[in-house]
Amino acid sequence: SGANPKNLVLTASAATSIVETGAHNGDLTVAVAVFVLVGSCTVVGAVIIHMLGGHRAASFLDRVRQFMITNSAVITAIVLLLLGASILGDGLTGLGR
């Protein structure tokens, strides 16, 4: 999924935000670690739910998967809209400096 254009845009935006903070050494390591944890929490969460919930969890996870498949275009549009609004806001803020 790393080569997915949506994931590349989100990762590039996060990397840019981290670099723009000017973090070095320990702070940079913490920022990258937080990004990785936040980025992987849905996968880790699904694995934990599956391990703890058994057959009930499988049914729940299947419903969530079906919802995301059905609404993937809307989910992608909202995520990219929020990302674009954030980048636009950062750019406009930078113009005022």
N, C-alpha and C. Protein backbone atom coordinates (compact mmCIF):
# COMPACT_ATOMS: atom_id res chain seq x y z
N SER A 1 0.82 -1.20 0.00
CA SER A 1 0.00 0.00 0.00
C SER A 1 0.86 1.26 0.00
N GLY A 2 2.17 1.10 0.18
CA GLY A 2 3.04 2.27 0.19
C GLY A 2 3.09 2.98 -1.15
N ALA A 3 2.86 2.26 -2.25
CA ALA A 3 2.91 2.87 -3.58
C ALA A 3 1.57 3.48 -3.98
N ASN A 4 0.57 3.38 -3.14
CA ASN A 4 -0.73 3.98 -3.40
C ASN A 4 -0.57 5.50 -3.41
N PRO A 5 -1.01 6.19 -4.47
CA PRO A 5 -0.83 7.65 -4.55
C PRO A 5 -1.38 8.40 -3.33
N LYS A 6 -2.50 7.94 -2.81
CA LYS A 6 -3.09 8.59 -1.63
C LYS A 6 -2.13 8.48 -0.44
N ASN A 7 -1.55 7.31 -0.24
CA ASN A 7 -0.62 7.12 0.87
C ASN A 7 0.66 7.91 0.67
N LEU A 8 1.12 8.00 -0.58
CA LEU A 8 2.32 8.79 -0.86
C LEU A 8 2.11 10.26 -0.54
N VAL A 9 0.95 10.80 -0.90
CA VAL A 9 0.63 12.20 -0.62
C VAL A 9 0.58 12.44 0.88
N LEU A 10 -0.09 11.57 1.60
CA LEU A 10 -0.19 11.73 3.05
C LEU A 10 1.17 11.61 3.73
N THR A 11 1.99 10.66 3.29
CA THR A 11 3.31 10.48 3.87
C THR A 11 4.22 11.67 3.55
N ALA A 12 4.15 12.17 2.32
CA ALA A 12 4.96 13.33 1.95
C ALA A 12 4.55 14.56 2.76
N SER A 13 3.27 14.73 2.96
CA SER A 13 2.79 15.85 3.76
C SER A 13 3.26 15.75 5.21
N ALA A 14 3.18 14.57 5.77
CA ALA A 14 3.64 14.37 7.15
C ALA A 14 5.14 14.59 7.25
N ALA A 15 5.89 14.08 6.30
CA ALA A 15 7.35 14.26 6.33
C ALA A 15 7.71 15.74 6.21
N THR A 16 7.01 16.46 5.35
CA THR A 16 7.24 17.89 5.21
C THR A 16 6.94 18.63 6.50
N SER A 17 5.84 18.28 7.13
CA SER A 17 5.48 18.92 8.39
C SER A 17 6.51 18.66 9.47
N ILE A 18 7.01 17.44 9.52
CA ILE A 18 8.03 17.09 10.52
C ILE A 18 9.32 17.86 10.25
N VAL A 19 9.74 17.94 9.00
CA VAL A 19 10.97 18.63 8.64
C VAL A 19 10.85 20.13 8.92
N GLU A 20 9.68 20.71 8.63
CA GLU A 20 9.48 22.15 8.84
C GLU A 20 9.55 22.56 10.31
N THR A 21 9.34 21.63 11.21
CA THR A 21 9.43 21.98 12.63
C THR A 21 10.86 22.23 13.06
N GLY A 22 11.82 21.75 12.28
CA GLY A 22 13.23 21.93 12.62
C GLY A 22 13.69 20.98 13.71
N ALA A 23 12.98 19.91 13.92
CA ALA A 23 13.33 18.94 14.96
C ALA A 23 14.64 18.25 14.61
N HIS A 24 15.42 17.97 15.64
CA HIS A 24 16.69 17.27 15.45
C HIS A 24 16.80 16.13 16.45
N ASN A 25 17.59 15.15 16.11
CA ASN A 25 17.95 14.01 16.95
C ASN A 25 16.76 13.41 17.68
N GLY A 26 16.68 13.57 19.00
CA GLY A 26 15.63 12.93 19.80
C GLY A 26 14.24 13.38 19.42
N ASP A 27 14.07 14.69 19.19
CA ASP A 27 12.76 15.20 18.81
C ASP A 27 12.31 14.65 17.46
N LEU A 28 13.24 14.56 16.53
CA LEU A 28 12.94 14.00 15.21
C LEU A 28 12.55 12.53 15.33
N THR A 29 13.27 11.80 16.17
CA THR A 29 12.96 10.38 16.39
C THR A 29 11.57 10.22 16.98
N VAL A 30 11.23 11.06 17.95
CA VAL A 30 9.90 10.99 18.56
C VAL A 30 8.82 11.32 17.53
N ALA A 31 9.05 12.35 16.72
CA ALA A 31 8.06 12.75 15.71
C ALA A 31 7.83 11.62 14.71
N VAL A 32 8.89 10.99 14.25
CA VAL A 32 8.75 9.88 13.29
C VAL A 32 8.06 8.69 13.95
N ALA A 33 8.41 8.40 15.20
CA ALA A 33 7.78 7.29 15.92
C ALA A 33 6.29 7.53 16.09
N VAL A 34 5.91 8.75 16.44
CA VAL A 34 4.49 9.07 16.59
C VAL A 34 3.78 8.92 15.25
N PHE A 35 4.40 9.39 14.16
CA PHE A 35 3.81 9.24 12.83
C PHE A 35 3.58 7.77 12.49
N VAL A 36 4.58 6.95 12.76
CA VAL A 36 4.45 5.51 12.45
C VAL A 36 3.36 4.88 13.31
N LEU A 37 3.31 5.22 14.60
CA LEU A 37 2.28 4.66 15.48
C LEU A 37 0.88 5.07 15.05
N VAL A 38 0.71 6.35 14.73
CA VAL A 38 -0.60 6.82 14.30
C VAL A 38 -0.97 6.18 12.96
N GLY A 39 0.00 6.08 12.06
CA GLY A 39 -0.26 5.48 10.75
C GLY A 39 -0.58 4.00 10.80
N SER A 40 -0.07 3.31 11.79
CA SER A 40 -0.30 1.86 11.86
C SER A 40 -1.36 1.48 12.89
N CYS A 41 -1.95 2.44 13.58
CA CYS A 41 -2.90 2.10 14.64
C CYS A 41 -4.14 1.37 14.12
N THR A 42 -4.57 1.66 12.89
CA THR A 42 -5.75 0.96 12.38
C THR A 42 -5.44 -0.51 12.13
N VAL A 43 -4.25 -0.79 11.63
CA VAL A 43 -3.87 -2.19 11.38
C VAL A 43 -3.69 -2.91 12.71
N VAL A 44 -2.96 -2.29 13.62
CA VAL A 44 -2.74 -2.90 14.93
C VAL A 44 -4.07 -3.09 15.66
N GLY A 45 -4.94 -2.09 15.56
CA GLY A 45 -6.26 -2.19 16.20
C GLY A 45 -7.07 -3.35 15.65
N ALA A 46 -7.05 -3.51 14.33
CA ALA A 46 -7.80 -4.62 13.72
C ALA A 46 -7.24 -5.97 14.16
N VAL A 47 -5.94 -6.07 14.26
CA VAL A 47 -5.32 -7.33 14.71
C VAL A 47 -5.71 -7.62 16.15
N ILE A 48 -5.67 -6.61 17.00
CA ILE A 48 -6.04 -6.80 18.41
C ILE A 48 -7.51 -7.19 18.54
N ILE A 49 -8.38 -6.50 17.80
CA ILE A 49 -9.81 -6.84 17.83
C ILE A 49 -10.02 -8.29 17.38
N HIS A 50 -9.33 -8.69 16.33
CA HIS A 50 -9.47 -10.05 15.83
C HIS A 50 -8.97 -11.08 16.85
N MET A 51 -7.86 -10.77 17.50
CA MET A 51 -7.29 -11.71 18.47
C MET A 51 -8.18 -11.83 19.72
N LEU A 52 -8.77 -10.73 20.15
CA LEU A 52 -9.56 -10.75 21.38
C LEU A 52 -11.02 -11.14 21.16
N GLY A 53 -11.54 -10.87 19.95
CA GLY A 53 -12.97 -11.05 19.74
C GLY A 53 -13.41 -12.33 19.11
N GLY A 54 -12.52 -13.08 18.51
CA GLY A 54 -12.90 -14.33 17.88
C GLY A 54 -13.85 -14.16 16.72
N HIS A 55 -14.92 -14.99 16.67
CA HIS A 55 -15.86 -14.97 15.55
C HIS A 55 -16.70 -13.70 15.52
N ARG A 56 -17.05 -13.16 16.68
CA ARG A 56 -17.79 -11.89 16.71
C ARG A 56 -16.97 -10.78 16.09
N ALA A 57 -15.68 -10.76 16.36
CA ALA A 57 -14.80 -9.73 15.81
C ALA A 57 -14.70 -9.87 14.29
N ALA A 58 -14.66 -11.09 13.80
CA ALA A 58 -14.58 -11.31 12.36
C ALA A 58 -15.79 -10.72 11.66
N SER A 59 -16.96 -10.88 12.25
CA SER A 59 -18.18 -10.32 11.68
C SER A 59 -18.13 -8.79 11.70
N PHE A 60 -17.69 -8.22 12.81
CA PHE A 60 -17.58 -6.77 12.94
C PHE A 60 -16.58 -6.21 11.93
N LEU A 61 -15.41 -6.85 11.85
CA LEU A 61 -14.37 -6.38 10.94
C LEU A 61 -14.82 -6.50 9.48
N ASP A 62 -15.60 -7.53 9.18
CA ASP A 62 -16.12 -7.68 7.82
C ASP A 62 -17.09 -6.55 7.49
N ARG A 63 -17.93 -6.15 8.45
CA ARG A 63 -18.86 -5.03 8.22
C ARG A 63 -18.09 -3.72 8.02
N VAL A 64 -17.05 -3.52 8.81
CA VAL A 64 -16.23 -2.31 8.66
C VAL A 64 -15.55 -2.31 7.29
N ARG A 65 -15.01 -3.45 6.90
CA ARG A 65 -14.36 -3.56 5.58
C ARG A 65 -15.35 -3.26 4.46
N GLN A 66 -16.55 -3.81 4.55
CA GLN A 66 -17.56 -3.58 3.52
C GLN A 66 -17.96 -2.11 3.47
N PHE A 67 -18.09 -1.47 4.63
CA PHE A 67 -18.41 -0.03 4.68
C PHE A 67 -17.32 0.78 3.99
N MET A 68 -16.06 0.44 4.29
CA MET A 68 -14.95 1.19 3.70
C MET A 68 -14.84 0.96 2.20
N ILE A 69 -15.12 -0.24 1.74
CA ILE A 69 -15.11 -0.51 0.30
C ILE A 69 -16.23 0.27 -0.39
N THR A 70 -17.41 0.23 0.20
CA THR A 70 -18.56 0.92 -0.38
C THR A 70 -18.33 2.43 -0.43
N ASN A 71 -17.70 2.99 0.59
CA ASN A 71 -17.55 4.44 0.69
C ASN A 71 -16.11 4.91 0.48
N SER A 72 -15.30 4.12 -0.21
CA SER A 72 -13.88 4.46 -0.35
C SER A 72 -13.66 5.78 -1.08
N ALA A 73 -14.46 6.07 -2.09
CA ALA A 73 -14.30 7.33 -2.82
C ALA A 73 -14.59 8.53 -1.92
N VAL A 74 -15.63 8.42 -1.11
CA VAL A 74 -16.00 9.51 -0.21
C VAL A 74 -14.94 9.67 0.88
N ILE A 75 -14.47 8.57 1.43
CA ILE A 75 -13.44 8.61 2.47
C ILE A 75 -12.17 9.26 1.92
N THR A 76 -11.75 8.85 0.73
CA THR A 76 -10.57 9.43 0.10
C THR A 76 -10.76 10.92 -0.16
N ALA A 77 -11.91 11.30 -0.68
CA ALA A 77 -12.16 12.71 -0.97
C ALA A 77 -12.11 13.56 0.30
N ILE A 78 -12.69 13.07 1.37
CA ILE A 78 -12.68 13.83 2.63
C ILE A 78 -11.27 13.96 3.19
N VAL A 79 -10.51 12.87 3.17
CA VAL A 79 -9.13 12.92 3.67
C VAL A 79 -8.30 13.90 2.85
N LEU A 80 -8.40 13.82 1.53
CA LEU A 80 -7.62 14.73 0.69
C LEU A 80 -8.10 16.17 0.80
N LEU A 81 -9.40 16.38 1.00
CA LEU A 81 -9.92 17.74 1.21
C LEU A 81 -9.37 18.32 2.51
N LEU A 82 -9.37 17.55 3.57
CA LEU A 82 -8.81 18.02 4.84
C LEU A 82 -7.32 18.29 4.72
N LEU A 83 -6.61 17.41 4.03
CA LEU A 83 -5.18 17.61 3.81
C LEU A 83 -4.94 18.88 3.00
N GLY A 84 -5.70 19.08 1.95
CA GLY A 84 -5.57 20.28 1.13
C GLY A 84 -5.87 21.54 1.91
N ALA A 85 -6.91 21.50 2.74
CA ALA A 85 -7.26 22.66 3.56
C ALA A 85 -6.14 22.97 4.55
N SER A 86 -5.56 21.94 5.12
CA SER A 86 -4.44 22.13 6.05
C SER A 86 -3.24 22.75 5.35
N ILE A 87 -2.89 22.24 4.19
CA ILE A 87 -1.75 22.77 3.45
C ILE A 87 -2.03 24.20 2.99
N LEU A 88 -3.23 24.48 2.53
CA LEU A 88 -3.60 25.83 2.13
C LEU A 88 -3.52 26.79 3.33
N GLY A 89 -4.03 26.35 4.46
CA GLY A 89 -3.96 27.19 5.67
C GLY A 89 -2.54 27.46 6.08
N ASP A 90 -1.67 26.44 6.02
CA ASP A 90 -0.26 26.63 6.34
C ASP A 90 0.39 27.60 5.36
N GLY A 91 0.04 27.49 4.09
CA GLY A 91 0.59 28.39 3.09
C GLY A 91 0.16 29.82 3.30
N LEU A 92 -1.11 30.02 3.61
CA LEU A 92 -1.61 31.37 3.85
C LEU A 92 -0.99 31.96 5.11
N THR A 93 -0.79 31.13 6.12
CA THR A 93 -0.13 31.59 7.34
C THR A 93 1.30 32.01 7.04
N GLY A 94 1.97 31.25 6.18
CA GLY A 94 3.34 31.58 5.81
C GLY A 94 3.44 32.88 5.06
N LEU A 95 2.41 33.25 4.31
CA LEU A 95 2.43 34.52 3.58
C LEU A 95 2.37 35.71 4.52
N GLY A 96 1.76 35.52 5.68
CA GLY A 96 1.61 36.62 6.63
C GLY A 96 2.84 36.87 7.47
N ARG A 97 3.84 36.06 7.37
CA ARG A 97 5.06 36.21 8.19
C ARG A 97 5.94 37.29 7.67
